[in-house]
Amino acid sequence: MPPPRPLAPWLHQLSPPIRELRRIRATSRNRRDSRTRAAHPILLGRAIFADMIFNRVAALALLSSLASTSTLSLRSPNPLSQSEIFPRDANADNLCPTTATTCGGRKVALVIDSSGSNTVTDPHNFRVEAGKEIAQRLVSTTEASGKVKADQVTVVDFDDSATVVYPMGDPSGANFTKIDSSGGTYIADGVREGVGQITGSSGGLAKDASGMVVLTDGEDSNQAELISEITKAGGLGIRVHFGFLDPSGLGTSRPSLLSAILGTGGIYSTISSAEAQKNFVNLVYLQGLTKQDNPNPNSTTGLLPGLTVARLIDSSQPPVKFTYSALSGEKLNFTVSSLSNQILTCSLRSGKKEVASATTSSFGGKALMSYESSKNDMLSLEVKATSGQGVMQVQPKTNMPNATRPLITSAAAMSGGKPSPFTLVGMSVICLVFAGTIVLG
């Protein structure tokens, strides 16, 4: 599904207006016969205006996407650069990420916290909006055709116990209205109910195409049971993603829980603000909502503002790699934490040049790297463990948390910051198209 950070976040704000323009244009065109022109001059004017504005918005959106990704048909070998985030109606062709082995046919459980503490940590229900965004990016029944298969989704809320608020079905009908903020935090029951919906609904378990996204602001009262349920889900091939809302940005320091989540192929991220939950949705899609969306999720992990990301680390394996899309003048702090009894060595690079480095001490140790970017740049962070296996996490902090920036990686960044010939030709074509819409309306 078109999934981390949007190519151009302002495009998300344009999504509702684009839909409205399409509605106005379609309605007005249907009425633009000879009688309508005489009887409805206002509708005719609205139709012409909608046509003009829609053409300009579409051209600008495409131009922005090219400028952000710095690629047309030429793609980076890094799979992260191939997962584009667009509003669905801003790029209707992107029904599934380009890393996907099969498009659609997925079963997804959205497991959302409805405990009383959300009245304080998430009073505007951003976790619910994040769930809606995931459902909206899935393939609905009406969108499925040919090789593109329809997805299914279920919505489960949990507090003292779990409740299925939308049984497994068409994503276009997903209902979130019954999710409130009252009660305790029994996450394990929510995970168990989500697994039951995935395996017990029509068609049974979707092999390599089942995923679960948990959004919560608290820790389960029974960690052992939660770990057990996550491990069972992973054993069935269900990829479990976990978003933990914690304004401190610290999250849980329980390596056993993080290992269980990461062992399913999912992502664990601590979300420092309710608003940053939208970035978490993007991160989930970069990781691969299900196995078929990204069979190799741990090659490189994107870092996004407001999110602390955990990864498994093994001294016998290659370094753990992260990327961050920095802006000119951006001041950054990267905190790398060892959650296991390991010493970690860290290197931050701009291209081939190391711009910062640090080493953690031991369990609970932290390594801090600071950097101010003098240009728009794709930074890479590599972390190595001196011995053993364990869990680590990275927390980026920036003075530009809400700035518009490109996606995680781009062909330009991979080639030393120079746009490819495909990019230059493509942007020229789009500029000509945009100019044509101005002249011709």
Protein backbone atom coordinates (compact mmCIF):
# COMPACT_ATOMS: atom_id res chain seq x y z
CA MET A 1 0.00 0.00 0.00
CA PRO A 2 1.39 3.43 -0.68
CA PRO A 3 2.71 3.82 2.52
CA PRO A 4 7.43 7.38 6.61
CA ARG A 5 7.56 10.60 6.02
CA PRO A 6 5.38 12.02 3.23
CA LEU A 7 7.19 13.09 0.09
CA ALA A 8 5.54 16.46 0.62
CA PRO A 9 3.49 16.68 3.83
CA TRP A 10 1.44 19.55 2.43
CA LEU A 11 0.02 17.09 -0.11
CA HIS A 12 -1.85 15.44 2.75
CA GLN A 13 -3.54 18.79 3.39
CA LEU A 14 -4.46 18.99 -0.29
CA SER A 15 -6.09 15.55 -0.26
CA PRO A 16 -9.60 16.68 0.86
CA PRO A 17 -9.62 19.70 -1.52
CA ILE A 18 -8.59 17.46 -4.43
CA ARG A 19 -11.44 15.07 -3.65
CA GLU A 20 -13.86 18.02 -3.45
CA LEU A 21 -12.61 19.43 -6.75
CA ARG A 22 -13.12 16.04 -8.36
CA ARG A 23 -16.64 15.86 -6.96
CA ILE A 24 -17.50 19.37 -8.19
CA ARG A 25 -15.95 18.69 -11.58
CA ALA A 26 -17.81 15.39 -12.03
CA THR A 27 -21.12 16.83 -10.84
CA SER A 28 -20.83 19.91 -13.00
CA ARG A 29 -19.76 17.99 -16.11
CA ASN A 30 -22.75 15.67 -15.75
CA ARG A 31 -24.99 18.72 -15.92
CA ARG A 32 -23.20 20.58 -18.69
CA ASP A 33 -25.69 19.93 -21.47
CA SER A 34 -27.42 22.74 -23.38
CA ARG A 35 -30.22 23.07 -20.84
CA THR A 36 -27.79 23.06 -17.90
CA ARG A 37 -25.74 25.86 -19.42
CA ALA A 38 -28.78 28.04 -19.62
CA ALA A 39 -30.31 27.01 -16.30
CA HIS A 40 -27.15 26.63 -14.25
CA PRO A 41 -24.56 29.24 -15.25
CA ILE A 42 -23.07 29.04 -11.75
CA LEU A 43 -22.51 25.29 -12.09
CA LEU A 44 -20.90 25.87 -15.46
CA GLY A 45 -18.57 28.44 -13.94
CA ARG A 46 -17.76 26.10 -11.09
CA ALA A 47 -16.97 23.30 -13.53
CA ILE A 48 -14.60 25.45 -15.58
CA PHE A 49 -12.94 26.75 -12.42
CA ALA A 50 -12.65 23.21 -10.99
CA ASP A 51 -11.05 21.99 -14.22
CA MET A 52 -8.46 24.78 -14.14
CA ILE A 53 -7.63 24.41 -10.46
CA PHE A 54 -7.56 20.62 -10.57
CA ASN A 55 -5.12 20.64 -13.47
CA ARG A 56 -2.81 23.00 -11.62
CA VAL A 57 -2.98 21.05 -8.34
CA ALA A 58 -2.33 17.76 -10.13
CA ALA A 59 0.65 19.20 -11.99
CA LEU A 60 2.07 20.75 -8.82
CA ALA A 61 1.60 17.51 -6.90
CA LEU A 62 3.43 15.50 -9.54
CA LEU A 63 6.18 18.11 -9.79
CA SER A 64 6.57 18.05 -6.01
CA SER A 65 6.82 14.26 -5.99
CA LEU A 66 9.56 14.34 -8.63
CA ALA A 67 11.50 17.01 -6.78
CA SER A 68 11.19 15.05 -3.53
CA THR A 69 12.11 11.60 -4.77
CA SER A 70 14.59 12.81 -7.39
CA THR A 71 13.66 9.87 -9.60
CA LEU A 72 11.25 8.77 -12.27
CA SER A 73 11.90 5.28 -13.58
CA LEU A 74 15.40 5.15 -12.10
CA ARG A 75 15.18 3.73 -8.58
CA SER A 76 17.71 3.38 -5.82
CA PRO A 77 18.80 -0.16 -4.89
CA ASN A 78 17.80 0.68 -1.33
CA PRO A 79 14.25 -0.71 -0.90
CA LEU A 80 13.30 2.12 1.44
CA SER A 81 13.49 4.60 -1.43
CA GLN A 82 10.91 2.56 -3.32
CA SER A 83 8.15 2.94 -0.73
CA GLU A 84 6.34 6.12 -1.69
CA ILE A 85 3.96 7.89 0.64
CA PHE A 86 1.16 9.72 -1.13
CA PRO A 87 -2.45 10.42 -0.32
CA ARG A 88 -4.24 7.66 -2.19
CA ASP A 89 -6.13 10.06 -4.47
CA ALA A 90 -3.01 12.12 -5.23
CA ASN A 91 -1.42 9.13 -6.93
CA ALA A 92 -4.02 6.47 -7.62
CA ASP A 93 -1.50 4.09 -9.21
CA ASN A 94 0.31 3.57 -5.91
CA LEU A 95 -2.05 0.98 -4.44
CA CYS A 96 0.86 -1.03 -3.05
CA PRO A 97 4.51 -0.24 -2.24
CA THR A 98 6.95 -1.07 -5.02
CA THR A 99 8.75 -3.45 -2.63
CA ALA A 100 5.61 -5.64 -2.52
CA THR A 101 5.82 -9.14 -4.03
CA THR A 102 2.02 -9.18 -4.46
CA CYS A 103 -0.44 -6.30 -4.45
CA GLY A 104 -3.30 -6.52 -1.97
CA GLY A 105 -4.92 -9.63 -0.57
CA ARG A 106 -3.80 -8.65 2.93
CA LYS A 107 -5.48 -9.14 6.29
CA VAL A 108 -4.77 -6.37 8.78
CA ALA A 109 -5.80 -5.91 12.42
CA LEU A 110 -5.81 -2.38 13.85
CA VAL A 111 -5.60 -2.74 17.64
CA ILE A 112 -6.21 0.61 19.33
CA ASP A 113 -5.95 1.61 22.99
CA SER A 114 -9.17 2.98 24.51
CA SER A 115 -7.97 3.27 28.12
CA GLY A 116 -8.79 6.29 30.26
CA SER A 117 -5.27 7.72 30.14
CA ASN A 118 -5.81 8.71 26.50
CA THR A 119 -7.91 11.64 27.68
CA VAL A 120 -4.59 13.17 28.76
CA THR A 121 -2.02 11.71 26.34
CA ASP A 122 -4.19 11.83 23.21
CA PRO A 123 -7.19 14.12 23.80
CA HIS A 124 -7.64 14.72 20.06
CA ASN A 125 -7.71 10.98 19.22
CA PHE A 126 -4.74 11.07 16.87
CA ARG A 127 -4.30 7.32 17.43
CA VAL A 128 -7.75 6.85 15.89
CA GLU A 129 -6.82 9.11 12.98
CA ALA A 130 -3.67 7.03 12.49
CA GLY A 131 -5.82 3.89 12.34
CA LYS A 132 -8.10 5.52 9.77
CA GLU A 133 -5.08 6.47 7.66
CA ILE A 134 -3.88 2.86 7.62
CA ALA A 135 -7.34 1.61 6.60
CA GLN A 136 -7.58 4.28 3.90
CA ARG A 137 -4.30 3.12 2.33
CA LEU A 138 -5.52 -0.47 1.99
CA VAL A 139 -7.09 -1.77 -1.24
CA SER A 140 -10.88 -1.68 -1.04
CA THR A 141 -13.20 -4.06 -2.85
CA THR A 142 -14.08 -1.45 -5.47
CA GLU A 143 -10.39 -0.75 -6.17
CA ALA A 144 -9.48 -4.40 -6.68
CA SER A 145 -9.12 -5.56 -10.27
CA GLY A 146 -6.84 -7.83 -12.27
CA LYS A 147 -3.73 -8.64 -10.26
CA VAL A 148 -4.67 -6.18 -7.51
CA LYS A 149 -6.55 -8.03 -4.79
CA ALA A 150 -8.85 -6.55 -2.16
CA ASP A 151 -7.50 -6.21 1.38
CA GLN A 152 -9.45 -6.86 4.57
CA VAL A 153 -9.20 -5.02 7.87
CA THR A 154 -10.56 -5.37 11.39
CA VAL A 155 -10.65 -2.75 14.16
CA VAL A 156 -10.19 -3.86 17.76
CA ASP A 157 -10.22 -1.56 20.78
CA PHE A 158 -8.93 -2.56 24.20
CA ASP A 159 -9.07 -1.23 27.74
CA ASP A 160 -9.90 -3.67 30.56
CA SER A 161 -10.79 -6.11 27.79
CA ALA A 162 -10.79 -6.18 24.00
CA THR A 163 -13.80 -5.48 21.78
CA VAL A 164 -14.12 -5.94 18.03
CA VAL A 165 -15.63 -2.66 16.80
CA TYR A 166 -15.34 -3.62 13.10
CA PRO A 167 -15.14 -7.30 12.12
CA MET A 168 -12.75 -8.31 9.33
CA GLY A 169 -14.09 -6.77 6.14
CA ASP A 170 -13.75 -4.15 3.40
CA PRO A 171 -11.37 -1.32 4.43
CA SER A 172 -13.71 1.29 2.96
CA GLY A 173 -16.29 0.48 5.64
CA ALA A 174 -13.94 0.44 8.66
CA ASN A 175 -15.69 2.01 11.66
CA PHE A 176 -13.83 3.67 14.53
CA THR A 177 -16.70 5.55 16.20
CA LYS A 178 -16.98 3.24 19.22
CA ILE A 179 -13.37 3.79 20.36
CA ASP A 180 -13.47 5.86 23.54
CA SER A 181 -11.06 6.66 26.38
CA SER A 182 -12.16 4.76 29.47
CA GLY A 183 -10.79 1.81 31.43
CA GLY A 184 -7.49 -0.01 31.94
CA THR A 185 -4.78 -1.29 29.57
CA TYR A 186 -5.01 -4.96 28.62
CA ILE A 187 -2.97 -4.99 25.42
CA ALA A 188 -2.55 -8.78 25.37
CA ASP A 189 -6.29 -9.25 24.99
CA GLY A 190 -6.31 -6.80 22.07
CA VAL A 191 -3.50 -8.70 20.32
CA ARG A 192 -5.27 -12.02 20.96
CA GLU A 193 -8.54 -10.69 19.53
CA GLY A 194 -6.73 -9.27 16.49
CA VAL A 195 -5.09 -12.63 15.78
CA GLY A 196 -8.48 -14.31 16.13
CA GLN A 197 -9.98 -11.98 13.54
CA ILE A 198 -7.11 -12.62 11.12
CA THR A 199 -7.16 -16.40 11.44
CA GLY A 200 -10.86 -16.98 12.08
CA SER A 201 -12.43 -14.85 9.36
CA SER A 202 -13.29 -15.98 5.83
CA GLY A 203 -10.31 -17.45 4.04
CA GLY A 204 -8.30 -18.00 7.22
CA LEU A 205 -4.73 -16.79 7.63
CA ALA A 206 -3.34 -14.88 4.64
CA LYS A 207 0.14 -16.37 4.20
CA ASP A 208 2.86 -13.67 4.29
CA ALA A 209 0.09 -11.08 3.96
CA SER A 210 -1.12 -10.63 7.54
CA GLY A 211 -0.22 -7.70 9.75
CA MET A 212 -1.19 -6.02 12.99
CA VAL A 213 -0.70 -2.43 14.15
CA VAL A 214 -1.02 -1.70 17.88
CA LEU A 215 -1.37 1.90 19.06
CA THR A 216 -1.19 2.44 22.82
CA ASP A 217 -0.05 4.89 25.48
CA GLY A 218 0.54 2.37 28.28
CA GLU A 219 2.25 -0.86 29.24
CA ASP A 220 0.29 -4.06 29.78
CA SER A 221 -0.33 -5.10 33.36
CA ASN A 222 0.82 -8.59 32.34
CA GLN A 223 3.97 -8.29 30.22
CA ALA A 224 4.54 -12.05 30.09
CA GLU A 225 1.10 -12.63 28.59
CA LEU A 226 1.61 -9.84 26.05
CA ILE A 227 4.97 -11.29 24.96
CA SER A 228 3.33 -14.70 24.64
CA GLU A 229 0.54 -13.38 22.41
CA ILE A 230 2.97 -11.43 20.19
CA THR A 231 5.20 -14.52 19.85
CA LYS A 232 2.17 -16.60 18.82
CA ALA A 233 1.25 -13.99 16.21
CA GLY A 234 4.80 -14.01 14.85
CA GLY A 235 4.75 -17.80 14.69
CA LEU A 236 1.71 -17.57 12.43
CA GLY A 237 3.54 -15.16 10.12
CA ILE A 238 1.66 -12.09 11.34
CA ARG A 239 3.90 -9.02 11.35
CA VAL A 240 3.23 -6.97 14.51
CA HIS A 241 3.95 -3.23 14.64
CA PHE A 242 3.84 -1.39 17.93
CA GLY A 243 3.42 2.36 18.42
CA PHE A 244 3.90 3.48 22.04
CA LEU A 245 2.73 7.04 22.77
CA ASP A 246 5.04 8.51 25.40
CA PRO A 247 5.74 12.28 25.54
CA SER A 248 9.08 11.56 27.26
CA GLY A 249 10.18 9.69 24.12
CA LEU A 250 11.72 6.93 26.26
CA GLY A 251 9.17 4.14 25.86
CA THR A 252 9.72 0.73 27.37
CA SER A 253 13.18 -0.53 28.23
CA ARG A 254 12.11 -4.19 28.33
CA PRO A 255 14.32 -5.98 25.78
CA SER A 256 12.19 -9.13 25.98
CA LEU A 257 9.07 -7.28 24.80
CA LEU A 258 10.94 -5.39 22.09
CA SER A 259 12.61 -8.60 20.89
CA ALA A 260 9.22 -10.29 20.55
CA ILE A 261 7.83 -7.41 18.46
CA LEU A 262 10.91 -7.01 16.28
CA GLY A 263 11.14 -10.78 15.87
CA THR A 264 7.86 -10.74 13.91
CA GLY A 265 9.46 -8.41 11.35
CA GLY A 266 7.46 -5.46 12.68
CA ILE A 267 8.59 -2.09 13.99
CA TYR A 268 8.58 -0.80 17.55
CA SER A 269 8.57 2.95 17.92
CA THR A 270 8.10 5.31 20.82
CA ILE A 271 5.99 8.28 19.70
CA SER A 272 6.82 11.52 21.49
CA SER A 273 3.60 13.36 20.65
CA ALA A 274 0.09 12.51 19.58
CA GLU A 275 0.66 14.36 16.30
CA ALA A 276 3.72 12.20 15.52
CA GLN A 277 1.48 9.13 15.24
CA LYS A 278 1.04 10.04 11.55
CA ASN A 279 4.79 9.66 11.11
CA PHE A 280 4.50 6.27 12.78
CA VAL A 281 2.01 5.20 10.12
CA ASN A 282 4.53 6.18 7.46
CA LEU A 283 7.25 4.25 9.27
CA VAL A 284 5.05 1.14 9.35
CA TYR A 285 4.64 1.30 5.59
CA LEU A 286 8.36 1.76 5.06
CA GLN A 287 8.98 -1.30 7.22
CA GLY A 288 6.33 -3.24 5.33
CA LEU A 289 2.85 -3.62 6.80
CA THR A 290 3.07 -7.34 6.01
CA LYS A 291 5.86 -9.60 4.84
CA GLN A 292 4.75 -9.42 1.20
CA ASP A 293 5.02 -5.60 1.34
CA ASN A 294 8.71 -5.71 2.23
CA PRO A 295 10.30 -9.16 2.61
CA ASN A 296 13.57 -7.65 3.88
CA PRO A 297 12.48 -5.00 6.41
CA ASN A 298 15.70 -4.70 8.39
CA SER A 299 18.14 -3.69 5.66
CA THR A 300 17.84 0.01 6.53
CA THR A 301 15.39 1.80 8.82
CA GLY A 302 14.22 5.35 8.24
CA LEU A 303 14.27 7.82 11.10
CA LEU A 304 11.44 10.33 11.36
CA PRO A 305 10.86 13.32 13.69
CA GLY A 306 9.04 12.46 16.90
CA LEU A 307 9.82 8.74 16.76
CA THR A 308 12.31 6.64 18.74
CA VAL A 309 12.98 3.43 16.82
CA ALA A 310 14.16 0.09 18.23
CA ARG A 311 16.18 -2.53 16.36
CA LEU A 312 17.73 -5.89 17.12
CA ILE A 313 21.52 -5.84 16.94
CA ASP A 314 24.00 -8.71 16.65
CA SER A 315 27.79 -8.39 16.70
CA SER A 316 28.09 -11.27 14.21
CA GLN A 317 25.90 -9.47 11.66
CA PRO A 318 26.49 -6.32 9.56
CA PRO A 319 25.96 -2.94 11.30
CA VAL A 320 22.40 -1.76 11.88
CA LYS A 321 21.70 1.07 9.44
CA PHE A 322 19.41 4.10 9.60
CA THR A 323 18.78 7.07 7.32
CA TYR A 324 17.52 10.59 8.04
CA SER A 325 16.52 13.26 5.54
CA ALA A 326 18.13 16.46 6.90
CA LEU A 327 17.30 19.99 5.80
CA SER A 328 19.62 22.94 5.34
CA GLY A 329 20.15 24.63 8.71
CA GLU A 330 18.62 21.76 10.65
CA LYS A 331 20.15 21.14 14.09
CA LEU A 332 20.03 17.47 15.06
CA ASN A 333 20.75 15.32 18.07
CA PHE A 334 20.82 11.53 17.70
CA THR A 335 20.71 9.52 20.93
CA VAL A 336 21.62 5.83 20.58
CA SER A 337 20.76 3.67 23.60
CA SER A 338 21.85 0.15 24.46
CA LEU A 339 18.98 -1.77 26.07
CA SER A 340 21.06 -4.92 26.48
CA ASN A 341 24.45 -5.62 27.97
CA GLN A 342 26.33 -4.38 24.91
CA ILE A 343 28.73 -1.64 23.93
CA LEU A 344 27.68 0.12 20.74
CA THR A 345 29.84 2.16 18.37
CA CYS A 346 28.01 4.72 16.23
CA SER A 347 28.97 6.62 13.09
CA LEU A 348 26.93 9.42 11.48
CA ARG A 349 27.79 10.18 7.86
CA SER A 350 26.98 12.72 5.19
CA GLY A 351 27.76 10.87 1.99
CA LYS A 352 31.11 9.17 2.62
CA LYS A 353 32.23 11.71 5.23
CA GLU A 354 31.86 10.92 8.92
CA VAL A 355 30.40 13.98 10.64
CA ALA A 356 29.94 12.57 14.16
CA SER A 357 30.68 9.44 16.18
CA ALA A 358 30.09 8.13 19.69
CA THR A 359 30.20 4.98 21.82
CA THR A 360 27.87 3.72 24.54
CA SER A 361 29.25 2.38 27.82
CA SER A 362 27.11 -0.69 28.61
CA PHE A 363 23.52 -1.60 29.53
CA GLY A 364 21.49 1.58 29.64
CA GLY A 365 24.38 3.48 28.15
CA LYS A 366 23.72 6.29 25.69
CA ALA A 367 25.72 7.75 22.82
CA LEU A 368 24.90 11.33 21.77
CA MET A 369 25.80 12.78 18.39
CA SER A 370 25.06 16.38 17.37
CA TYR A 371 25.15 17.77 13.86
CA GLU A 372 23.97 20.88 12.01
CA SER A 373 23.29 20.30 8.34
CA SER A 374 24.50 22.97 5.91
CA LYS A 375 22.38 21.61 3.06
CA ASN A 376 19.50 19.30 2.27
CA ASP A 377 21.18 15.97 2.84
CA MET A 378 20.52 12.28 3.33
CA LEU A 379 22.37 11.26 6.50
CA SER A 380 23.24 7.68 7.30
CA LEU A 381 23.77 6.25 10.78
CA GLU A 382 25.52 2.93 11.38
CA VAL A 383 25.58 1.17 14.74
CA LYS A 384 27.80 -1.81 15.58
CA ALA A 385 27.80 -4.03 18.69
CA THR A 386 31.16 -5.14 20.05
CA SER A 387 29.74 -8.45 21.28
CA GLY A 388 26.58 -10.52 21.68
CA GLN A 389 22.99 -9.98 20.66
CA GLY A 390 20.55 -7.44 22.03
CA VAL A 391 18.22 -4.51 21.49
CA MET A 392 19.08 -0.88 20.80
CA GLN A 393 17.13 2.24 19.94
CA VAL A 394 17.72 5.59 18.24
CA GLN A 395 16.00 8.86 19.10
CA PRO A 396 16.38 11.80 16.68
CA LYS A 397 15.62 15.31 17.89
CA THR A 398 15.36 18.27 15.54
CA ASN A 399 14.67 21.99 15.60
CA MET A 400 12.48 21.48 12.51
CA PRO A 401 10.00 18.75 13.52
CA ASN A 402 7.20 19.87 11.21
CA ALA A 403 9.19 21.02 8.19
CA THR A 404 8.46 19.71 4.71
CA ARG A 405 11.20 17.36 3.61
CA PRO A 406 11.79 14.53 1.11
CA LEU A 407 11.13 10.88 1.84
CA ILE A 408 13.72 8.75 3.62
CA THR A 409 16.01 8.18 0.65
CA SER A 410 16.31 9.38 -2.94
CA ALA A 411 18.27 8.61 -6.04
CA ALA A 412 19.90 12.03 -5.75
CA ALA A 413 21.13 11.30 -2.25
CA MET A 414 22.42 7.88 -3.30
CA SER A 415 24.34 9.45 -6.20
CA GLY A 416 26.02 12.21 -4.25
CA GLY A 417 23.17 14.70 -4.37
CA LYS A 418 23.01 15.07 -8.17
CA PRO A 419 19.63 14.51 -9.83
CA SER A 420 19.52 11.80 -12.45
CA PRO A 421 18.96 12.60 -16.15
CA PHE A 422 15.56 10.96 -15.78
CA THR A 423 14.70 13.53 -13.12
CA LEU A 424 15.76 16.53 -15.17
CA VAL A 425 13.87 15.38 -18.26
CA GLY A 426 10.81 14.43 -16.22
CA MET A 427 10.69 17.75 -14.38
CA SER A 428 11.04 19.63 -17.67
CA VAL A 429 8.11 17.70 -19.12
CA ILE A 430 5.97 18.40 -16.06
CA CYS A 431 6.83 22.10 -16.17
CA LEU A 432 5.68 22.18 -19.83
CA VAL A 433 2.47 20.37 -18.89
CA PHE A 434 1.85 22.82 -16.05
CA ALA A 435 2.49 25.76 -18.38
CA GLY A 436 0.02 24.26 -20.83
CA THR A 437 -2.70 24.15 -18.21
CA ILE A 438 -2.16 27.83 -17.53
CA VAL A 439 -2.44 28.76 -21.19
CA LEU A 440 -5.25 26.39 -22.14
CA GLY A 441 -7.13 26.25 -18.83
